[in-house]
Amino acid sequence: MRSGSSRPRISELPCEIASREILPSIRAAIVRVLLAKGYSKYTIARMMGLTPASITHYLHGKRGRPDLEEKLLSEPYKSLIEKLAEIVEKAWKNGINSKIYSSYRDLVCTLCAGFNPVAKEAGCPS
């Protein structure tokens, strides 16, 4: 669903909405949690496979939706974002394996379905 619109377009798939609005907001929230843990923007960029410029864009609200990020950093979602940040740390320190990847994917999909009405209608996990 586009910002400010009340209904999704017929051609919008859940993952299109997620990639445009929700996933960047989840990444921005993870960045903020990792910054609060004391990591530098450069280190966070390396941890997440992003550029330092991307991290700056997340922090300045140029990627994602600040209103969603604010919700994600509040309960009940904050604990899930903190868990995602822990998974990012673990993957960076120990390498990625299928268990870590699955945990990350499942949490992201759960968060996405909570904010994405098209995903709910399509039966995405919640």
C-alpha atoms as a PDB file:
ATOM      1  CA  MET A   1       0.000   0.000   0.000  1.00  0.00           C
ATOM      2  CA  ARG A   2       1.429   3.378  -0.900  1.00  0.00           C
ATOM      3  CA  SER A   3       1.941   5.941   1.813  1.00  0.00           C
ATOM      4  CA  GLY A   4      -1.203   7.962   2.198  1.00  0.00           C
ATOM      5  CA  SER A   5      -3.369   5.592   0.176  1.00  0.00           C
ATOM      6  CA  SER A   6      -6.166   3.754   1.882  1.00  0.00           C
ATOM      7  CA  ARG A   7      -6.280   0.646  -0.299  1.00  0.00           C
ATOM      8  CA  PRO A   8      -3.694  -1.425  -2.127  1.00  0.00           C
ATOM      9  CA  ARG A   9      -3.706  -1.548  -5.924  1.00  0.00           C
ATOM     10  CA  ILE A  10      -4.818  -4.791  -7.544  1.00  0.00           C
ATOM     11  CA  SER A  11      -1.374  -5.315  -9.057  1.00  0.00           C
ATOM     12  CA  GLU A  12       0.522  -4.940  -5.787  1.00  0.00           C
ATOM     13  CA  LEU A  13       1.890  -8.138  -4.353  1.00  0.00           C
ATOM     14  CA  PRO A  14       2.718  -8.413  -0.649  1.00  0.00           C
ATOM     15  CA  CYS A  15       6.436  -8.543  -1.340  1.00  0.00           C
ATOM     16  CA  GLU A  16       6.322  -5.386  -3.491  1.00  0.00           C
ATOM     17  CA  ILE A  17       4.878  -3.444  -0.591  1.00  0.00           C
ATOM     18  CA  ALA A  18       7.353  -5.069   1.756  1.00  0.00           C
ATOM     19  CA  SER A  19      10.393  -4.237  -0.366  1.00  0.00           C
ATOM     20  CA  ARG A  20       9.327  -0.632  -0.840  1.00  0.00           C
ATOM     21  CA  GLU A  21       8.081   0.323   2.622  1.00  0.00           C
ATOM     22  CA  ILE A  22       8.301  -2.331   5.298  1.00  0.00           C
ATOM     23  CA  LEU A  23      11.705  -3.981   4.861  1.00  0.00           C
ATOM     24  CA  PRO A  24      13.584  -0.662   4.747  1.00  0.00           C
ATOM     25  CA  SER A  25      11.770   0.364   7.941  1.00  0.00           C
ATOM     26  CA  ILE A  26      12.770  -2.911   9.612  1.00  0.00           C
ATOM     27  CA  ARG A  27      16.394  -2.376   8.544  1.00  0.00           C
ATOM     28  CA  ALA A  28      16.313   1.200   9.857  1.00  0.00           C
ATOM     29  CA  ALA A  29      15.058  -0.048  13.221  1.00  0.00           C
ATOM     30  CA  ILE A  30      17.793  -2.716  13.349  1.00  0.00           C
ATOM     31  CA  VAL A  31      20.393  -0.036  12.564  1.00  0.00           C
ATOM     32  CA  ARG A  32      19.155   2.065  15.497  1.00  0.00           C
ATOM     33  CA  VAL A  33      19.332  -0.903  17.880  1.00  0.00           C
ATOM     34  CA  LEU A  34      22.883  -1.719  16.761  1.00  0.00           C
ATOM     35  CA  LEU A  35      23.919   1.928  17.122  1.00  0.00           C
ATOM     36  CA  ALA A  36      22.526   1.917  20.666  1.00  0.00           C
ATOM     37  CA  LYS A  37      24.718  -1.123  21.368  1.00  0.00           C
ATOM     38  CA  GLY A  38      27.755   0.971  20.470  1.00  0.00           C
ATOM     39  CA  TYR A  39      28.552  -0.166  16.946  1.00  0.00           C
ATOM     40  CA  SER A  40      29.733   2.457  14.459  1.00  0.00           C
ATOM     41  CA  LYS A  41      27.844   3.162  11.238  1.00  0.00           C
ATOM     42  CA  TYR A  42      30.732   1.642   9.298  1.00  0.00           C
ATOM     43  CA  THR A  43      30.661  -1.573  11.336  1.00  0.00           C
ATOM     44  CA  ILE A  44      26.875  -1.824  11.047  1.00  0.00           C
ATOM     45  CA  ALA A  45      27.180  -1.420   7.277  1.00  0.00           C
ATOM     46  CA  ARG A  46      29.641  -4.324   7.182  1.00  0.00           C
ATOM     47  CA  MET A  47      27.459  -6.429   9.481  1.00  0.00           C
ATOM     48  CA  MET A  48      24.384  -5.925   7.325  1.00  0.00           C
ATOM     49  CA  GLY A  49      26.094  -6.072   3.927  1.00  0.00           C
ATOM     50  CA  LEU A  50      25.251  -2.448   3.188  1.00  0.00           C
ATOM     51  CA  THR A  51      27.207   0.713   2.454  1.00  0.00           C
ATOM     52  CA  PRO A  52      27.852   3.368   5.112  1.00  0.00           C
ATOM     53  CA  ALA A  53      25.799   5.747   2.931  1.00  0.00           C
ATOM     54  CA  SER A  54      22.836   3.359   3.188  1.00  0.00           C
ATOM     55  CA  ILE A  55      23.119   3.404   6.960  1.00  0.00           C
ATOM     56  CA  THR A  56      23.052   7.209   6.889  1.00  0.00           C
ATOM     57  CA  HIS A  57      19.955   7.132   4.667  1.00  0.00           C
ATOM     58  CA  TYR A  58      18.192   4.819   7.129  1.00  0.00           C
ATOM     59  CA  LEU A  59      19.082   7.118  10.010  1.00  0.00           C
ATOM     60  CA  HIS A  60      17.828  10.229   8.208  1.00  0.00           C
ATOM     61  CA  GLY A  61      14.540   8.658   7.130  1.00  0.00           C
ATOM     62  CA  LYS A  62      15.422   8.612   3.419  1.00  0.00           C
ATOM     63  CA  ARG A  63      14.743   4.871   3.299  1.00  0.00           C
ATOM     64  CA  GLY A  64      11.749   3.254   4.890  1.00  0.00           C
ATOM     65  CA  ARG A  65       8.914   5.049   6.608  1.00  0.00           C
ATOM     66  CA  PRO A  66       9.709   6.923   9.817  1.00  0.00           C
ATOM     67  CA  ASP A  67       6.197   6.239  11.154  1.00  0.00           C
ATOM     68  CA  LEU A  68       6.706   2.477  10.747  1.00  0.00           C
ATOM     69  CA  GLU A  69      10.181   2.651  12.225  1.00  0.00           C
ATOM     70  CA  GLU A  70       8.762   4.404  15.279  1.00  0.00           C
ATOM     71  CA  LYS A  71       6.165   1.642  15.707  1.00  0.00           C
ATOM     72  CA  LEU A  72       8.805  -1.043  15.218  1.00  0.00           C
ATOM     73  CA  LEU A  73      10.895   0.465  18.016  1.00  0.00           C
ATOM     74  CA  SER A  74       7.908   0.343  20.393  1.00  0.00           C
ATOM     75  CA  GLU A  75       6.365  -2.671  22.079  1.00  0.00           C
ATOM     76  CA  PRO A  76       5.244  -5.237  21.103  1.00  0.00           C
ATOM     77  CA  TYR A  77       7.564  -5.055  18.067  1.00  0.00           C
ATOM     78  CA  LYS A  78      10.705  -3.762  19.788  1.00  0.00           C
ATOM     79  CA  SER A  79      11.596  -7.163  21.216  1.00  0.00           C
ATOM     80  CA  LEU A  80      11.439  -8.683  17.723  1.00  0.00           C
ATOM     81  CA  ILE A  81      13.664  -5.926  16.319  1.00  0.00           C
ATOM     82  CA  GLU A  82      16.139  -6.515  19.154  1.00  0.00           C
ATOM     83  CA  LYS A  83      16.112 -10.234  18.330  1.00  0.00           C
ATOM     84  CA  LEU A  84      16.806  -9.413  14.667  1.00  0.00           C
ATOM     85  CA  ALA A  85      19.730  -7.209  15.747  1.00  0.00           C
ATOM     86  CA  GLU A  86      21.071 -10.129  17.828  1.00  0.00           C
ATOM     87  CA  ILE A  87      20.796 -12.407  14.798  1.00  0.00           C
ATOM     88  CA  VAL A  88      22.707  -9.861  12.681  1.00  0.00           C
ATOM     89  CA  GLU A  89      25.435  -9.727  15.351  1.00  0.00           C
ATOM     90  CA  LYS A  90      25.615 -13.517  15.572  1.00  0.00           C
ATOM     91  CA  ALA A  91      25.807 -13.916  11.785  1.00  0.00           C
ATOM     92  CA  TRP A  92      28.556 -11.291  11.585  1.00  0.00           C
ATOM     93  CA  LYS A  93      30.617 -12.922  14.332  1.00  0.00           C
ATOM     94  CA  ASN A  94      30.020 -16.598  13.485  1.00  0.00           C
ATOM     95  CA  GLY A  95      28.983 -16.623   9.836  1.00  0.00           C
ATOM     96  CA  ILE A  96      25.603 -17.333   8.336  1.00  0.00           C
ATOM     97  CA  ASN A  97      24.146 -20.814   8.398  1.00  0.00           C
ATOM     98  CA  SER A  98      20.714 -22.097   7.461  1.00  0.00           C
ATOM     99  CA  LYS A  99      19.436 -21.907  11.049  1.00  0.00           C
ATOM    100  CA  ILE A 100      20.469 -18.255  11.442  1.00  0.00           C
ATOM    101  CA  TYR A 101      19.053 -17.369   8.016  1.00  0.00           C
ATOM    102  CA  SER A 102      15.753 -19.120   8.765  1.00  0.00           C
ATOM    103  CA  SER A 103      15.422 -17.357  12.112  1.00  0.00           C
ATOM    104  CA  TYR A 104      16.051 -13.969  10.505  1.00  0.00           C
ATOM    105  CA  ARG A 105      13.656 -14.634   7.605  1.00  0.00           C
ATOM    106  CA  ASP A 106      10.874 -15.899   9.867  1.00  0.00           C
ATOM    107  CA  LEU A 107      11.068 -12.857  12.168  1.00  0.00           C
ATOM    108  CA  VAL A 108      11.128 -10.431   9.231  1.00  0.00           C
ATOM    109  CA  CYS A 109       8.120 -12.160   7.647  1.00  0.00           C
ATOM    110  CA  THR A 110       6.237 -12.048  10.950  1.00  0.00           C
ATOM    111  CA  LEU A 111       6.899  -8.309  11.313  1.00  0.00           C
ATOM    112  CA  CYS A 112       6.043  -7.644   7.679  1.00  0.00           C
ATOM    113  CA  ALA A 113       2.727  -9.475   7.882  1.00  0.00           C
ATOM    114  CA  GLY A 114       1.847  -7.411  10.936  1.00  0.00           C
ATOM    115  CA  PHE A 115       2.154  -4.157   8.962  1.00  0.00           C
ATOM    116  CA  ASN A 116       1.174  -5.276   5.484  1.00  0.00           C
ATOM    117  CA  PRO A 117      -2.580  -5.670   4.880  1.00  0.00           C
ATOM    118  CA  VAL A 118      -1.981  -7.260   1.479  1.00  0.00           C
ATOM    119  CA  ALA A 119       0.268  -9.876   3.110  1.00  0.00           C
ATOM    120  CA  LYS A 120      -2.456 -10.693   5.624  1.00  0.00           C
ATOM    121  CA  GLU A 121      -4.998 -11.135   2.840  1.00  0.00           C
ATOM    122  CA  ALA A 122      -2.565 -13.324   0.895  1.00  0.00           C
ATOM    123  CA  GLY A 123      -2.068 -15.604   3.890  1.00  0.00           C
ATOM    124  CA  CYS A 124       1.535 -14.690   4.686  1.00  0.00           C
ATOM    125  CA  PRO A 125       2.624 -15.896   8.122  1.00  0.00           C
ATOM    126  CA  SER A 126       1.881 -13.613  11.044  1.00  0.00           C
END
